[in-house]
């Protein structure tokens, strides 16, 4: 497989596309869980929604990662994507 398509590069590309940190993602999600239905979504909420759709796909490459630091970062995102 070409180097650009290996699991580490695919995961890094995905993580680099996330506009929020894990911590900020948690904060935004917690904020919106407590919001009423009339509260219009803001930019951060839209970013969090995009992440919530994409983060679970990291499970497809997680077991193939060779970089332990990258694996920890992926695990952190998988934990929050799973409601952790």
N, C-alpha and C. Protein backbone atom coordinates (compact mmCIF):
# COMPACT_ATOMS: atom_id res chain seq x y z
N UNK A 1 0.86 -1.17 0.00
CA UNK A 1 0.00 0.00 0.00
C UNK A 1 0.91 1.24 0.00
N UNK A 2 0.59 2.23 -0.80
CA UNK A 2 1.39 3.47 -0.80
C UNK A 2 1.39 4.11 0.58
N UNK A 3 2.51 4.75 0.92
CA UNK A 3 2.65 5.36 2.24
C UNK A 3 1.54 6.35 2.55
N UNK A 4 1.06 7.06 1.55
CA UNK A 4 0.00 8.03 1.79
C UNK A 4 -1.31 7.38 2.23
N UNK A 5 -1.44 6.09 1.94
CA UNK A 5 -2.68 5.41 2.27
C UNK A 5 -2.57 4.51 3.49
N UNK A 6 -1.44 4.55 4.21
CA UNK A 6 -1.33 3.69 5.38
C UNK A 6 -2.22 4.22 6.51
N UNK A 7 -2.44 3.37 7.50
CA UNK A 7 -3.37 3.68 8.59
C UNK A 7 -2.95 4.93 9.35
N UNK A 8 -1.65 5.07 9.64
CA UNK A 8 -1.19 6.24 10.39
C UNK A 8 -1.49 7.54 9.64
N UNK A 9 -1.21 7.55 8.35
CA UNK A 9 -1.48 8.77 7.57
C UNK A 9 -2.97 9.04 7.43
N UNK A 10 -3.77 8.01 7.27
CA UNK A 10 -5.22 8.20 7.18
C UNK A 10 -5.77 8.77 8.49
N UNK A 11 -5.30 8.23 9.62
CA UNK A 11 -5.75 8.73 10.92
C UNK A 11 -5.28 10.16 11.13
N UNK A 12 -4.04 10.45 10.82
CA UNK A 12 -3.50 11.80 11.01
C UNK A 12 -4.28 12.80 10.15
N UNK A 13 -4.57 12.44 8.91
CA UNK A 13 -5.34 13.31 8.02
C UNK A 13 -6.72 13.60 8.63
N UNK A 14 -7.35 12.56 9.14
CA UNK A 14 -8.67 12.73 9.74
C UNK A 14 -8.60 13.63 10.98
N UNK A 15 -7.66 13.34 11.86
CA UNK A 15 -7.53 14.14 13.08
C UNK A 15 -7.19 15.59 12.77
N UNK A 16 -6.36 15.81 11.79
CA UNK A 16 -5.99 17.19 11.41
C UNK A 16 -7.18 17.97 10.85
N UNK A 17 -8.19 17.25 10.39
CA UNK A 17 -9.37 17.93 9.83
C UNK A 17 -10.34 18.39 10.92
N UNK A 18 -10.15 17.91 12.16
CA UNK A 18 -11.06 18.27 13.25
C UNK A 18 -10.74 19.70 13.71
N UNK A 19 -11.71 20.60 13.64
CA UNK A 19 -11.47 22.00 14.01
C UNK A 19 -11.53 22.25 15.52
N UNK A 20 -11.88 21.24 16.31
CA UNK A 20 -11.95 21.39 17.76
C UNK A 20 -11.04 20.36 18.42
N UNK A 21 -10.52 20.69 19.59
CA UNK A 21 -9.77 19.72 20.38
C UNK A 21 -10.76 18.76 21.04
N UNK A 22 -10.26 17.65 21.55
CA UNK A 22 -11.12 16.71 22.26
C UNK A 22 -11.82 17.42 23.41
N UNK A 23 -11.07 18.20 24.17
CA UNK A 23 -11.65 18.90 25.32
C UNK A 23 -12.74 19.88 24.89
N UNK A 24 -12.48 20.66 23.87
CA UNK A 24 -13.48 21.64 23.41
C UNK A 24 -14.70 20.92 22.85
N UNK A 25 -14.49 19.81 22.16
CA UNK A 25 -15.60 19.02 21.65
C UNK A 25 -16.50 18.58 22.80
N UNK A 26 -15.89 18.06 23.88
CA UNK A 26 -16.67 17.66 25.06
C UNK A 26 -17.47 18.83 25.62
N UNK A 27 -16.82 19.98 25.73
CA UNK A 27 -17.48 21.17 26.29
C UNK A 27 -18.67 21.60 25.43
N UNK A 28 -18.46 21.64 24.13
CA UNK A 28 -19.53 22.05 23.21
C UNK A 28 -20.70 21.07 23.29
N UNK A 29 -20.41 19.79 23.30
CA UNK A 29 -21.48 18.79 23.38
C UNK A 29 -22.24 18.90 24.70
N UNK A 30 -21.52 19.11 25.79
CA UNK A 30 -22.19 19.26 27.09
C UNK A 30 -23.07 20.51 27.10
N UNK A 31 -22.56 21.58 26.52
CA UNK A 31 -23.32 22.83 26.46
C UNK A 31 -24.62 22.61 25.68
N UNK A 32 -24.53 21.92 24.58
CA UNK A 32 -25.71 21.74 23.75
C UNK A 32 -26.67 20.69 24.28
N UNK A 33 -26.17 19.77 25.09
CA UNK A 33 -27.10 18.81 25.72
C UNK A 33 -28.02 19.55 26.68
N UNK A 34 -27.53 20.63 27.28
CA UNK A 34 -28.34 21.40 28.21
C UNK A 34 -29.14 22.52 27.58
N UNK A 35 -28.98 22.74 26.29
CA UNK A 35 -29.69 23.84 25.62
C UNK A 35 -31.12 23.43 25.29
N UNK A 36 -31.97 24.43 25.23
CA UNK A 36 -33.35 24.13 24.84
C UNK A 36 -33.45 24.01 23.32
N UNK A 37 -34.58 23.49 22.87
CA UNK A 37 -34.77 23.22 21.44
C UNK A 37 -34.82 24.47 20.59
N UNK A 38 -35.05 25.62 21.21
CA UNK A 38 -35.15 26.87 20.45
C UNK A 38 -33.79 27.54 20.25
N UNK A 39 -32.74 26.99 20.85
CA UNK A 39 -31.41 27.59 20.72
C UNK A 39 -30.85 27.26 19.34
N UNK A 40 -30.56 28.28 18.56
CA UNK A 40 -30.02 28.01 17.22
C UNK A 40 -28.57 27.51 17.31
N UNK A 41 -28.20 26.57 16.45
CA UNK A 41 -26.83 26.08 16.47
C UNK A 41 -25.85 27.17 16.07
N UNK A 42 -24.69 27.16 16.70
CA UNK A 42 -23.64 28.11 16.33
C UNK A 42 -22.55 27.36 15.56
N UNK A 43 -21.48 28.08 15.21
CA UNK A 43 -20.41 27.47 14.41
C UNK A 43 -19.75 26.30 15.12
N UNK A 44 -19.51 26.45 16.43
CA UNK A 44 -18.87 25.34 17.15
C UNK A 44 -19.76 24.11 17.20
N UNK A 45 -21.04 24.32 17.34
CA UNK A 45 -21.95 23.18 17.34
C UNK A 45 -21.93 22.48 15.99
N UNK A 46 -21.90 23.24 14.93
CA UNK A 46 -21.82 22.63 13.60
C UNK A 46 -20.51 21.86 13.43
N UNK A 47 -19.42 22.42 13.95
CA UNK A 47 -18.13 21.71 13.91
C UNK A 47 -18.22 20.41 14.69
N UNK A 48 -18.82 20.45 15.86
CA UNK A 48 -18.95 19.25 16.69
C UNK A 48 -19.81 18.20 16.00
N UNK A 49 -20.84 18.64 15.31
CA UNK A 49 -21.68 17.69 14.57
C UNK A 49 -20.86 16.99 13.48
N UNK A 50 -20.04 17.74 12.78
CA UNK A 50 -19.19 17.14 11.75
C UNK A 50 -18.23 16.12 12.33
N UNK A 51 -17.65 16.47 13.47
CA UNK A 51 -16.73 15.54 14.14
C UNK A 51 -17.47 14.29 14.58
N UNK A 52 -18.69 14.45 15.09
CA UNK A 52 -19.44 13.30 15.59
C UNK A 52 -19.75 12.30 14.47
N UNK A 53 -19.82 12.78 13.25
CA UNK A 53 -20.04 11.89 12.10
C UNK A 53 -18.75 11.22 11.66
N UNK A 54 -17.62 11.90 11.83
CA UNK A 54 -16.36 11.41 11.31
C UNK A 54 -15.55 10.58 12.30
N UNK A 55 -15.54 10.97 13.56
CA UNK A 55 -14.68 10.32 14.56
C UNK A 55 -14.88 8.80 14.65
N UNK A 56 -16.10 8.29 14.61
CA UNK A 56 -16.24 6.83 14.70
C UNK A 56 -15.51 6.05 13.60
N UNK A 57 -15.28 6.69 12.46
CA UNK A 57 -14.57 5.99 11.38
C UNK A 57 -13.13 5.67 11.74
N UNK A 58 -12.60 6.35 12.76
CA UNK A 58 -11.23 6.06 13.19
C UNK A 58 -11.09 4.64 13.72
N UNK A 59 -12.18 4.04 14.14
CA UNK A 59 -12.12 2.66 14.63
C UNK A 59 -11.70 1.70 13.52
N UNK A 60 -11.93 2.08 12.27
CA UNK A 60 -11.56 1.23 11.14
C UNK A 60 -10.06 1.06 10.98
N UNK A 61 -9.28 2.05 11.45
CA UNK A 61 -7.83 1.99 11.30
C UNK A 61 -7.10 1.85 12.63
N UNK A 62 -7.79 1.96 13.73
CA UNK A 62 -7.16 2.01 15.05
C UNK A 62 -6.20 0.85 15.29
N UNK A 63 -6.60 -0.37 15.00
CA UNK A 63 -5.76 -1.53 15.28
C UNK A 63 -4.57 -1.66 14.34
N UNK A 64 -4.55 -0.87 13.28
CA UNK A 64 -3.45 -0.92 12.32
C UNK A 64 -2.43 0.19 12.55
N UNK A 65 -2.66 1.06 13.54
CA UNK A 65 -1.76 2.18 13.79
C UNK A 65 -0.44 1.68 14.37
N UNK A 66 0.66 2.27 13.89
CA UNK A 66 1.98 1.90 14.40
C UNK A 66 2.56 2.96 15.34
N UNK A 67 2.05 4.18 15.27
CA UNK A 67 2.54 5.27 16.11
C UNK A 67 1.75 5.26 17.43
N UNK A 68 2.41 4.99 18.57
CA UNK A 68 1.69 4.92 19.84
C UNK A 68 1.05 6.24 20.27
N UNK A 69 1.66 7.36 19.94
CA UNK A 69 1.09 8.66 20.30
C UNK A 69 -0.18 8.90 19.47
N UNK A 70 -0.13 8.57 18.22
CA UNK A 70 -1.30 8.70 17.35
C UNK A 70 -2.42 7.78 17.83
N UNK A 71 -2.05 6.58 18.26
CA UNK A 71 -3.06 5.63 18.77
C UNK A 71 -3.75 6.20 20.01
N UNK A 72 -3.00 6.85 20.90
CA UNK A 72 -3.61 7.47 22.08
C UNK A 72 -4.59 8.56 21.68
N UNK A 73 -4.21 9.36 20.69
CA UNK A 73 -5.09 10.43 20.24
C UNK A 73 -6.37 9.86 19.61
N UNK A 74 -6.21 8.83 18.82
CA UNK A 74 -7.37 8.16 18.22
C UNK A 74 -8.26 7.58 19.31
N UNK A 75 -7.65 6.94 20.31
CA UNK A 75 -8.44 6.37 21.41
C UNK A 75 -9.23 7.45 22.15
N UNK A 76 -8.62 8.61 22.34
CA UNK A 76 -9.33 9.72 23.01
C UNK A 76 -10.55 10.14 22.20
N UNK A 77 -10.38 10.26 20.89
CA UNK A 77 -11.52 10.64 20.06
C UNK A 77 -12.58 9.55 20.01
N UNK A 78 -12.15 8.30 19.95
CA UNK A 78 -13.14 7.22 19.94
C UNK A 78 -13.92 7.19 21.25
N UNK A 79 -13.28 7.50 22.35
CA UNK A 79 -13.97 7.53 23.64
C UNK A 79 -15.04 8.61 23.68
N UNK A 80 -14.73 9.81 23.18
CA UNK A 80 -15.74 10.87 23.20
C UNK A 80 -16.80 10.65 22.15
N UNK A 81 -16.42 10.06 21.04
CA UNK A 81 -17.40 9.79 19.98
C UNK A 81 -18.41 8.74 20.45
N UNK A 82 -17.97 7.94 21.41
CA UNK A 82 -18.82 6.89 21.95
C UNK A 82 -19.58 7.34 23.19
N UNK A 83 -19.53 8.65 23.44
CA UNK A 83 -20.25 9.21 24.58
C UNK A 83 -19.43 9.26 25.85
N UNK A 84 -18.13 9.00 25.74
CA UNK A 84 -17.28 8.97 26.93
C UNK A 84 -16.81 10.32 27.38
